[in-house]
Amino acid sequence: MNKQRFASIIYYVVIATLLSKTSGFTVTHSRLNSFIIMIEPSSSKTQINAVSTSLTVPSQEESVKLGIREWPQQTKSQQSWDENVKENDTLTRYILQGEGDLTIITTSVNKEVEKPEKSKFKPGLLIEVNGPATLQWVKAMRSDEDVIILTPGYEQGGLLIGFLFGSIILCGALIAGVGS
């Protein structure tokens, strides 16, 4: 190998190393004989605010593993409703009853609206959306039944607080009535 070729190889290796140290790039492949050095962004730099959507029908075994049947439920009787997912949050829904149309509108890192993703929902569908996004639900016109959605956590906090407050008052009244 001549001196000029060796100097060029050293030059490219030094540049690749400097880029990887200062700019968050990693050298994923290098072939010095052909002067090919591939430099790609580090994965930590490209995973920022990734918006993803997953629509699946889990098997019975997967449902049991996730504990889906134990999740609290929400009943939707209105014809349509919207749900918003904040940035870096995940919204998970399992359809227990009801059918209709679902439109998922995601927003990119640059706050640009992506192309809406339209699909049908029916019992057995598991929906997972990482925000920021908006879900637009429309119940099937031919269906009179309510839509029952299971969620991994209790999300209707106002109703829970009201129930707890009412229960405390009722217990207090019962104890006061028994004590007199």
N, C-alpha and C. Protein backbone atom coordinates (compact mmCIF):
# COMPACT_ATOMS: atom_id res chain seq x y z
N MET A 1 0.86 -1.17 0.00
CA MET A 1 0.00 0.00 0.00
C MET A 1 0.90 1.23 0.00
N ASN A 2 0.61 2.19 -0.86
CA ASN A 2 1.45 3.38 -0.92
C ASN A 2 1.09 4.37 0.20
N LYS A 3 1.97 5.36 0.41
CA LYS A 3 1.81 6.30 1.51
C LYS A 3 0.57 7.16 1.34
N GLN A 4 0.25 7.58 0.13
CA GLN A 4 -0.91 8.44 -0.12
C GLN A 4 -2.21 7.69 0.22
N ARG A 5 -2.31 6.45 -0.20
CA ARG A 5 -3.51 5.64 0.09
C ARG A 5 -3.64 5.41 1.59
N PHE A 6 -2.53 5.12 2.25
CA PHE A 6 -2.55 4.91 3.70
C PHE A 6 -2.99 6.19 4.41
N ALA A 7 -2.49 7.34 3.98
CA ALA A 7 -2.86 8.62 4.58
C ALA A 7 -4.35 8.89 4.39
N SER A 8 -4.90 8.55 3.22
CA SER A 8 -6.33 8.74 2.96
C SER A 8 -7.17 7.86 3.88
N ILE A 9 -6.75 6.64 4.08
CA ILE A 9 -7.49 5.72 4.96
C ILE A 9 -7.49 6.28 6.37
N ILE A 10 -6.36 6.70 6.85
CA ILE A 10 -6.26 7.27 8.20
C ILE A 10 -7.15 8.51 8.31
N TYR A 11 -7.15 9.35 7.29
CA TYR A 11 -7.98 10.56 7.27
C TYR A 11 -9.46 10.21 7.44
N TYR A 12 -9.96 9.24 6.67
CA TYR A 12 -11.38 8.86 6.75
C TYR A 12 -11.73 8.22 8.10
N VAL A 13 -10.82 7.44 8.65
CA VAL A 13 -11.06 6.83 9.95
C VAL A 13 -11.14 7.91 11.03
N VAL A 14 -10.24 8.89 10.97
CA VAL A 14 -10.25 9.98 11.95
C VAL A 14 -11.54 10.79 11.83
N ILE A 15 -11.96 11.11 10.61
CA ILE A 15 -13.21 11.86 10.40
C ILE A 15 -14.40 11.07 10.94
N ALA A 16 -14.48 9.79 10.65
CA ALA A 16 -15.57 8.96 11.14
C ALA A 16 -15.58 8.89 12.66
N THR A 17 -14.42 8.78 13.26
CA THR A 17 -14.32 8.72 14.72
C THR A 17 -14.76 10.04 15.34
N LEU A 18 -14.31 11.15 14.77
CA LEU A 18 -14.71 12.47 15.28
C LEU A 18 -16.22 12.67 15.16
N LEU A 19 -16.79 12.29 14.04
CA LEU A 19 -18.24 12.40 13.88
C LEU A 19 -18.98 11.56 14.91
N SER A 20 -18.48 10.38 15.16
CA SER A 20 -19.17 9.50 16.10
C SER A 20 -19.09 10.03 17.53
N LYS A 21 -18.02 10.72 17.86
CA LYS A 21 -17.84 11.24 19.22
C LYS A 21 -18.59 12.55 19.43
N THR A 22 -18.63 13.42 18.43
CA THR A 22 -19.17 14.76 18.63
C THR A 22 -20.60 14.95 18.14
N SER A 23 -21.03 14.21 17.17
CA SER A 23 -22.33 14.48 16.55
C SER A 23 -23.37 13.40 16.81
N GLY A 24 -23.04 12.43 17.62
CA GLY A 24 -24.00 11.38 17.91
C GLY A 24 -24.16 10.38 16.78
N PHE A 25 -23.15 10.23 15.94
CA PHE A 25 -23.20 9.25 14.86
C PHE A 25 -22.42 8.02 15.27
N THR A 26 -22.79 6.90 14.68
CA THR A 26 -22.02 5.69 14.92
C THR A 26 -21.52 5.14 13.59
N VAL A 27 -20.33 4.59 13.62
CA VAL A 27 -19.77 3.96 12.44
C VAL A 27 -20.29 2.54 12.45
N THR A 28 -21.15 2.21 11.48
CA THR A 28 -21.77 0.90 11.48
C THR A 28 -21.03 -0.10 10.61
N HIS A 29 -20.27 0.39 9.67
CA HIS A 29 -19.59 -0.54 8.77
C HIS A 29 -18.41 0.21 8.16
N SER A 30 -17.29 -0.43 8.16
CA SER A 30 -16.16 0.20 7.48
C SER A 30 -15.39 -0.86 6.71
N ARG A 31 -15.04 -0.49 5.52
CA ARG A 31 -14.21 -1.37 4.68
C ARG A 31 -13.10 -0.50 4.13
N LEU A 32 -11.98 -0.58 4.77
CA LEU A 32 -10.91 0.35 4.42
C LEU A 32 -10.30 0.08 3.05
N ASN A 33 -10.31 -1.16 2.61
CA ASN A 33 -9.73 -1.47 1.30
C ASN A 33 -10.45 -0.75 0.18
N SER A 34 -11.75 -0.52 0.33
CA SER A 34 -12.52 0.13 -0.73
C SER A 34 -12.85 1.57 -0.39
N PHE A 35 -12.37 2.06 0.70
CA PHE A 35 -12.67 3.41 1.18
C PHE A 35 -14.16 3.61 1.45
N ILE A 36 -14.85 2.58 1.94
CA ILE A 36 -16.26 2.71 2.26
C ILE A 36 -16.40 2.77 3.77
N ILE A 37 -16.93 3.86 4.25
CA ILE A 37 -17.22 4.00 5.67
C ILE A 37 -18.65 4.52 5.77
N MET A 38 -19.53 3.71 6.33
CA MET A 38 -20.93 4.11 6.47
C MET A 38 -21.15 4.70 7.85
N ILE A 39 -21.71 5.87 7.90
CA ILE A 39 -21.95 6.55 9.16
C ILE A 39 -23.45 6.81 9.26
N GLU A 40 -24.05 6.39 10.39
CA GLU A 40 -25.49 6.53 10.58
C GLU A 40 -25.75 7.24 11.90
N PRO A 41 -26.89 7.93 12.02
CA PRO A 41 -27.23 8.55 13.31
C PRO A 41 -27.41 7.49 14.38
N SER A 42 -27.02 7.83 15.61
CA SER A 42 -27.23 6.92 16.73
C SER A 42 -28.71 6.72 16.94
N SER A 43 -29.10 5.55 17.43
CA SER A 43 -30.52 5.25 17.62
C SER A 43 -31.16 6.19 18.62
N SER A 44 -30.43 6.66 19.63
CA SER A 44 -31.02 7.56 20.62
C SER A 44 -31.40 8.89 20.00
N LYS A 45 -30.76 9.28 18.92
CA LYS A 45 -31.09 10.54 18.26
C LYS A 45 -32.30 10.41 17.34
N THR A 46 -32.60 9.22 16.86
CA THR A 46 -33.68 9.06 15.89
C THR A 46 -34.99 8.60 16.52
N GLN A 47 -35.00 8.27 17.80
CA GLN A 47 -36.19 7.75 18.45
C GLN A 47 -37.01 8.83 19.14
N ILE A 48 -36.72 10.08 18.91
CA ILE A 48 -37.40 11.16 19.60
C ILE A 48 -38.84 11.28 19.10
N ASN A 49 -39.79 11.26 20.02
CA ASN A 49 -41.21 11.45 19.73
C ASN A 49 -41.72 10.58 18.60
N ALA A 50 -41.37 9.32 18.60
CA ALA A 50 -41.85 8.43 17.55
C ALA A 50 -43.34 8.18 17.76
N VAL A 51 -44.14 8.43 16.74
CA VAL A 51 -45.57 8.21 16.79
C VAL A 51 -45.84 6.86 16.14
N SER A 52 -46.52 5.99 16.86
CA SER A 52 -46.82 4.69 16.27
C SER A 52 -48.24 4.28 16.62
N THR A 53 -48.80 3.45 15.77
CA THR A 53 -50.16 2.96 15.93
C THR A 53 -50.13 1.45 15.75
N SER A 54 -50.84 0.74 16.62
CA SER A 54 -50.91 -0.70 16.51
C SER A 54 -52.37 -1.13 16.67
N LEU A 55 -52.89 -1.83 15.67
CA LEU A 55 -54.23 -2.39 15.72
C LEU A 55 -54.08 -3.91 15.58
N THR A 56 -54.38 -4.65 16.64
CA THR A 56 -54.21 -6.10 16.62
C THR A 56 -55.43 -6.78 17.23
N VAL A 57 -55.56 -8.04 16.94
CA VAL A 57 -56.58 -8.88 17.57
C VAL A 57 -55.80 -9.94 18.35
N PRO A 58 -55.64 -9.72 19.66
CA PRO A 58 -54.83 -10.66 20.44
C PRO A 58 -55.53 -12.00 20.60
N SER A 59 -54.75 -13.06 20.68
CA SER A 59 -55.29 -14.40 20.93
C SER A 59 -55.80 -14.47 22.36
N GLN A 60 -56.51 -15.53 22.66
CA GLN A 60 -57.02 -15.73 24.03
C GLN A 60 -55.87 -15.75 25.03
N GLU A 61 -54.78 -16.42 24.65
CA GLU A 61 -53.61 -16.52 25.53
C GLU A 61 -52.97 -15.15 25.76
N GLU A 62 -52.84 -14.35 24.69
CA GLU A 62 -52.28 -13.01 24.83
C GLU A 62 -53.18 -12.12 25.69
N SER A 63 -54.50 -12.26 25.52
CA SER A 63 -55.44 -11.48 26.32
C SER A 63 -55.31 -11.79 27.80
N VAL A 64 -55.14 -13.06 28.11
CA VAL A 64 -54.97 -13.47 29.50
C VAL A 64 -53.67 -12.91 30.06
N LYS A 65 -52.59 -12.98 29.28
CA LYS A 65 -51.29 -12.45 29.73
C LYS A 65 -51.37 -10.95 30.02
N LEU A 66 -52.10 -10.23 29.16
CA LEU A 66 -52.24 -8.78 29.35
C LEU A 66 -53.25 -8.44 30.44
N GLY A 67 -54.08 -9.41 30.82
CA GLY A 67 -55.10 -9.16 31.84
C GLY A 67 -56.23 -8.28 31.32
N ILE A 68 -56.50 -8.35 30.03
CA ILE A 68 -57.47 -7.46 29.39
C ILE A 68 -58.85 -7.55 30.04
N ARG A 69 -59.32 -8.75 30.35
CA ARG A 69 -60.67 -8.90 30.91
C ARG A 69 -60.80 -8.30 32.31
N GLU A 70 -59.68 -7.97 32.93
CA GLU A 70 -59.69 -7.35 34.26
C GLU A 70 -59.69 -5.82 34.18
N TRP A 71 -59.48 -5.28 32.99
CA TRP A 71 -59.39 -3.83 32.83
C TRP A 71 -60.74 -3.17 33.09
N PRO A 72 -60.73 -1.95 33.63
CA PRO A 72 -61.98 -1.19 33.80
C PRO A 72 -62.60 -0.88 32.43
N GLN A 73 -63.91 -0.71 32.42
CA GLN A 73 -64.58 -0.45 31.15
C GLN A 73 -65.18 0.95 31.09
N GLN A 74 -65.31 1.43 29.88
CA GLN A 74 -66.01 2.67 29.58
C GLN A 74 -67.12 2.33 28.61
N THR A 75 -68.30 2.88 28.84
CA THR A 75 -69.42 2.65 27.94
C THR A 75 -69.68 3.94 27.17
N LYS A 76 -69.72 3.83 25.86
CA LYS A 76 -69.95 4.98 24.99
C LYS A 76 -71.30 4.78 24.29
N SER A 77 -72.26 5.65 24.59
CA SER A 77 -73.58 5.53 23.97
C SER A 77 -73.78 6.58 22.88
N GLN A 78 -72.96 7.62 22.86
CA GLN A 78 -73.10 8.66 21.83
C GLN A 78 -72.66 8.12 20.47
N GLN A 79 -73.08 8.79 19.42
CA GLN A 79 -72.79 8.35 18.06
C GLN A 79 -71.31 8.51 17.70
N SER A 80 -70.67 9.57 18.20
CA SER A 80 -69.25 9.80 17.90
C SER A 80 -68.58 10.51 19.07
N TRP A 81 -67.27 10.33 19.19
CA TRP A 81 -66.49 10.99 20.22
C TRP A 81 -65.04 11.01 19.79
N ASP A 82 -64.27 11.92 20.39
CA ASP A 82 -62.84 12.06 20.11
C ASP A 82 -62.04 11.81 21.38
N GLU A 83 -60.84 11.31 21.19
CA GLU A 83 -59.89 11.16 22.29
C GLU A 83 -58.55 11.71 21.82
N ASN A 84 -57.87 12.44 22.70
CA ASN A 84 -56.56 13.00 22.38
C ASN A 84 -55.48 12.29 23.18
N VAL A 85 -54.37 12.03 22.51
CA VAL A 85 -53.21 11.43 23.16
C VAL A 85 -52.12 12.49 23.19
N LYS A 86 -51.65 12.81 24.38
CA LYS A 86 -50.59 13.80 24.51
C LYS A 86 -49.26 13.24 24.04
N GLU A 87 -48.35 14.14 23.75
CA GLU A 87 -47.01 13.74 23.31
C GLU A 87 -46.36 12.86 24.37
N ASN A 88 -45.74 11.78 23.93
CA ASN A 88 -45.04 10.80 24.77
C ASN A 88 -45.98 9.94 25.63
N ASP A 89 -47.29 10.07 25.46
CA ASP A 89 -48.24 9.20 26.16
C ASP A 89 -48.69 8.09 25.23
N THR A 90 -49.19 7.01 25.82
CA THR A 90 -49.72 5.89 25.05
C THR A 90 -51.16 5.66 25.45
N LEU A 91 -52.03 5.55 24.47
CA LEU A 91 -53.44 5.27 24.71
C LEU A 91 -53.70 3.83 24.27
N THR A 92 -54.28 3.03 25.17
CA THR A 92 -54.57 1.63 24.87
C THR A 92 -56.06 1.39 25.06
N ARG A 93 -56.68 0.76 24.07
CA ARG A 93 -58.11 0.46 24.11
C ARG A 93 -58.34 -0.97 23.60
N TYR A 94 -59.27 -1.66 24.25
CA TYR A 94 -59.69 -2.99 23.79
C TYR A 94 -61.20 -2.92 23.59
N ILE A 95 -61.66 -3.28 22.40
CA ILE A 95 -63.09 -3.21 22.09
C ILE A 95 -63.76 -4.50 22.58
N LEU A 96 -64.64 -4.36 23.56
CA LEU A 96 -65.37 -5.51 24.08
C LEU A 96 -66.70 -5.70 23.35
N GLN A 97 -67.35 -4.56 23.02
CA GLN A 97 -68.65 -4.62 22.35
C GLN A 97 -68.80 -3.39 21.47
N GLY A 98 -69.43 -3.56 20.32
CA GLY A 98 -69.72 -2.45 19.43
C GLY A 98 -68.83 -2.45 18.20
N GLU A 99 -69.32 -1.76 17.19
CA GLU A 99 -68.60 -1.66 15.92
C GLU A 99 -68.69 -0.24 15.40
N GLY A 100 -67.76 0.10 14.50
CA GLY A 100 -67.80 1.41 13.89
C GLY A 100 -66.52 1.73 13.15
N ASP A 101 -66.32 3.01 12.93
CA ASP A 101 -65.14 3.50 12.21
C ASP A 101 -64.24 4.26 13.17
N LEU A 102 -62.94 4.09 12.97
CA LEU A 102 -61.93 4.77 13.78
C LEU A 102 -60.96 5.47 12.85
N THR A 103 -60.76 6.76 13.10
CA THR A 103 -59.76 7.53 12.36
C THR A 103 -58.71 7.99 13.35
N ILE A 104 -57.46 7.67 13.05
CA ILE A 104 -56.34 8.06 13.92
C ILE A 104 -55.53 9.11 13.17
N ILE A 105 -55.46 10.30 13.77
CA ILE A 105 -54.72 11.41 13.17
C ILE A 105 -53.50 11.66 14.04
N THR A 106 -52.33 11.39 13.48
CA THR A 106 -51.09 11.58 14.24
C THR A 106 -50.43 12.89 13.82
N THR A 107 -49.61 13.38 14.72
CA THR A 107 -48.86 14.61 14.47
C THR A 107 -47.38 14.28 14.55
N SER A 108 -46.61 14.74 13.58
CA SER A 108 -45.18 14.44 13.56
C SER A 108 -44.44 15.32 14.56
N VAL A 109 -43.15 15.08 14.66
CA VAL A 109 -42.30 15.86 15.56
C VAL A 109 -42.35 17.34 15.19
N ASN A 110 -42.48 17.64 13.92
CA ASN A 110 -42.52 19.03 13.45
C ASN A 110 -43.91 19.64 13.57
N LYS A 111 -44.81 18.98 14.28
CA LYS A 111 -46.20 19.42 14.48
C LYS A 111 -46.99 19.43 13.19
N GLU A 112 -46.58 18.62 12.23
CA GLU A 112 -47.32 18.50 10.99
C GLU A 112 -48.27 17.31 11.10
N VAL A 113 -49.49 17.50 10.61
CA VAL A 113 -50.48 16.44 10.66
C VAL A 113 -50.15 15.40 9.59
N GLU A 114 -50.07 14.16 10.01
CA GLU A 114 -49.80 13.06 9.09
C GLU A 114 -51.10 12.65 8.41
N LYS A 115 -51.01 11.80 7.42
CA LYS A 115 -52.19 11.29 6.74
C LYS A 115 -53.03 10.48 7.73
N PRO A 116 -54.33 10.77 7.85
CA PRO A 116 -55.17 10.02 8.79
C PRO A 116 -55.22 8.54 8.44
N GLU A 117 -55.19 7.70 9.46
CA GLU A 117 -55.29 6.25 9.29
C GLU A 117 -56.71 5.84 9.64
N LYS A 118 -57.44 5.31 8.67
CA LYS A 118 -58.83 4.93 8.88
C LYS A 118 -58.94 3.41 8.94
N SER A 119 -59.77 2.94 9.88
CA SER A 119 -60.01 1.50 9.99
C SER A 119 -61.36 1.28 10.66
N LYS A 120 -61.78 0.04 10.66
CA LYS A 120 -63.02 -0.37 11.34
C LYS A 120 -62.63 -0.91 12.71
N PHE A 121 -63.50 -0.70 13.69
CA PHE A 121 -63.29 -1.36 14.96
C PHE A 121 -64.46 -2.29 15.24
N LYS A 122 -64.14 -3.38 15.93
CA LYS A 122 -65.13 -4.39 16.29
C LYS A 122 -64.63 -5.12 17.52
N PRO A 123 -65.48 -5.94 18.14
CA PRO A 123 -65.05 -6.65 19.35
C PRO A 123 -63.78 -7.48 19.11
N GLY A 124 -62.89 -7.42 20.11
CA GLY A 124 -61.65 -8.18 20.05
C GLY A 124 -60.46 -7.38 19.56
N LEU A 125 -60.67 -6.13 19.13
CA LEU A 125 -59.58 -5.32 18.59
C LEU A 125 -58.85 -4.60 19.72
N LEU A 126 -57.53 -4.69 19.73
CA LEU A 126 -56.67 -3.98 20.68
C LEU A 126 -56.01 -2.84 19.93
N ILE A 127 -56.16 -1.63 20.44
CA ILE A 127 -55.64 -0.42 19.80
C ILE A 127 -54.61 0.20 20.72
N GLU A 128 -53.42 0.46 20.20
CA GLU A 128 -52.37 1.13 20.96
C GLU A 128 -51.83 2.27 20.11
N VAL A 129 -51.88 3.48 20.66
CA VAL A 129 -51.43 4.66 19.92
C VAL A 129 -50.49 5.47 20.81
N ASN A 130 -49.30 5.76 20.29
CA ASN A 130 -48.36 6.65 20.97
C ASN A 130 -48.57 8.06 20.42
N GLY A 131 -48.66 9.03 21.32
CA GLY A 131 -48.98 10.40 20.93
C GLY A 131 -47.79 11.18 20.46
N PRO A 132 -48.09 12.32 19.92
CA PRO A 132 -49.37 13.01 19.90
C PRO A 132 -50.27 12.50 18.78
N ALA A 133 -51.55 12.33 19.13
CA ALA A 133 -52.52 11.85 18.14
C ALA A 133 -53.93 12.16 18.61
N THR A 134 -54.86 12.09 17.68
CA THR A 134 -56.29 12.22 17.97
C THR A 134 -57.00 11.02 17.39
N LEU A 135 -57.86 10.40 18.19
CA LEU A 135 -58.67 9.28 17.73
C LEU A 135 -60.10 9.77 17.58
N GLN A 136 -60.68 9.58 16.40
CA GLN A 136 -62.06 9.97 16.14
C GLN A 136 -62.87 8.69 15.97
N TRP A 137 -63.78 8.45 16.89
CA TRP A 137 -64.60 7.25 16.91
C TRP A 137 -65.99 7.58 16.37
N VAL A 138 -66.52 6.73 15.51
CA VAL A 138 -67.89 6.87 15.02
C VAL A 138 -68.54 5.49 15.10
N LYS A 139 -69.61 5.41 15.91
CA LYS A 139 -70.32 4.15 16.08
C LYS A 139 -71.06 3.80 14.79
N ALA A 140 -71.16 2.51 14.48
CA ALA A 140 -71.85 2.05 13.28
C ALA A 140 -73.31 2.51 13.32
N MET A 141 -73.79 3.01 12.19
CA MET A 141 -75.15 3.55 12.11
C MET A 141 -76.20 2.47 12.35
N ARG A 142 -75.97 1.27 11.92
CA ARG A 142 -76.96 0.21 12.03
C ARG A 142 -77.02 -0.40 13.43
N SER A 143 -76.13 0.02 14.31
CA SER A 143 -76.02 -0.59 15.63
C SER A 143 -76.68 0.30 16.69
N ASP A 144 -77.56 -0.30 17.47
CA ASP A 144 -78.17 0.40 18.59
C ASP A 144 -77.43 0.15 19.90
N GLU A 145 -76.54 -0.84 19.90
CA GLU A 145 -75.84 -1.17 21.13
C GLU A 145 -74.74 -0.16 21.44
N ASP A 146 -74.46 -0.01 22.73
CA ASP A 146 -73.37 0.86 23.17
C ASP A 146 -72.04 0.23 22.83
N VAL A 147 -71.03 1.06 22.74
CA VAL A 147 -69.67 0.57 22.56
C VAL A 147 -69.05 0.45 23.95
N ILE A 148 -68.52 -0.73 24.24
CA ILE A 148 -67.85 -0.95 25.53
C ILE A 148 -66.37 -1.11 25.26
N ILE A 149 -65.59 -0.23 25.88
CA ILE A 149 -64.14 -0.18 25.68
C ILE A 149 -63.47 -0.49 27.01
N LEU A 150 -62.49 -1.38 26.99
CA LEU A 150 -61.69 -1.68 28.18
C LEU A 150 -60.38 -0.91 28.09
N THR A 151 -59.95 -0.37 29.23
CA THR A 151 -58.70 0.39 29.31
C THR A 151 -57.84 -0.20 30.42
N PRO A 152 -56.51 -0.13 30.28
CA PRO A 152 -55.65 -0.74 31.29
C PRO A 152 -55.68 -0.03 32.64
N GLY A 153 -56.15 1.18 32.70
CA GLY A 153 -56.24 1.92 33.95
C GLY A 153 -57.55 2.67 34.03
N TYR A 154 -57.93 3.06 35.23
CA TYR A 154 -59.17 3.80 35.39
C TYR A 154 -58.93 5.25 34.97
N GLU A 155 -59.53 5.67 33.87
CA GLU A 155 -59.26 6.98 33.30
C GLU A 155 -60.35 8.01 33.56
N GLN A 156 -61.47 7.58 34.09
CA GLN A 156 -62.55 8.52 34.37
C GLN A 156 -62.43 8.95 35.82
N GLY A 157 -61.39 9.76 36.10
CA GLY A 157 -61.06 10.15 37.46
C GLY A 157 -62.17 10.88 38.18
N GLY A 158 -62.92 11.74 37.50
CA GLY A 158 -64.02 12.47 38.13
C GLY A 158 -65.08 11.54 38.67
N LEU A 159 -65.43 10.53 37.91
CA LEU A 159 -66.43 9.56 38.37
C LEU A 159 -65.92 8.77 39.57
N LEU A 160 -64.66 8.41 39.55
CA LEU A 160 -64.08 7.65 40.66
C LEU A 160 -64.08 8.48 41.93
N ILE A 161 -63.69 9.73 41.85
CA ILE A 161 -63.67 10.61 43.03
C ILE A 161 -65.08 10.80 43.56
N GLY A 162 -66.05 11.00 42.67
CA GLY A 162 -67.44 11.14 43.10
C GLY A 162 -67.96 9.89 43.79
N PHE A 163 -67.63 8.74 43.24
CA PHE A 163 -68.04 7.47 43.85
C PHE A 163 -67.41 7.31 45.24
N LEU A 164 -66.11 7.58 45.34
CA LEU A 164 -65.44 7.45 46.63
C LEU A 164 -66.01 8.42 47.66
N PHE A 165 -66.25 9.66 47.27
CA PHE A 165 -66.81 10.67 48.17
C PHE A 165 -68.21 10.24 48.63
N GLY A 166 -69.03 9.78 47.69
CA GLY A 166 -70.38 9.31 48.04
C GLY A 166 -70.33 8.11 48.97
N SER A 167 -69.40 7.20 48.74
CA SER A 167 -69.26 6.02 49.60
C SER A 167 -68.86 6.41 51.02
N ILE A 168 -67.96 7.37 51.14
CA ILE A 168 -67.53 7.83 52.46
C ILE A 168 -68.69 8.48 53.21
N ILE A 169 -69.47 9.29 52.52
CA ILE A 169 -70.62 9.93 53.16
C ILE A 169 -71.64 8.89 53.58
N LEU A 170 -71.91 7.91 52.72
CA LEU A 170 -72.86 6.86 53.05
C LEU A 170 -72.39 6.04 54.25
N CYS A 171 -71.11 5.69 54.27
CA CYS A 171 -70.57 4.93 55.41
C CYS A 171 -70.64 5.76 56.69
N GLY A 172 -70.33 7.04 56.59
CA GLY A 172 -70.41 7.93 57.75
C GLY A 172 -71.83 8.03 58.27
N ALA A 173 -72.80 8.13 57.35
CA ALA A 173 -74.20 8.21 57.77
C ALA A 173 -74.65 6.91 58.41
N LEU A 174 -74.22 5.79 57.88
CA LEU A 174 -74.58 4.50 58.47
C LEU A 174 -73.99 4.34 59.87
N ILE A 175 -72.74 4.73 60.03
CA ILE A 175 -72.08 4.62 61.33
C ILE A 175 -72.74 5.56 62.34
N ALA A 176 -73.08 6.76 61.91
CA ALA A 176 -73.75 7.73 62.79
C ALA A 176 -75.13 7.22 63.17
N GLY A 177 -75.82 6.59 62.23
CA GLY A 177 -77.17 6.05 62.52
C GLY A 177 -77.12 4.87 63.45
N VAL A 178 -76.10 4.03 63.33
CA VAL A 178 -75.97 2.84 64.18
C VAL A 178 -75.56 3.26 65.60
N GLY A 179 -74.75 4.31 65.71
CA GLY A 179 -74.24 4.74 67.02
C GLY A 179 -75.28 5.45 67.86
N SER A 180 -76.39 5.91 67.29
CA SER A 180 -77.37 6.64 68.10
C SER A 180 -78.50 5.80 68.60
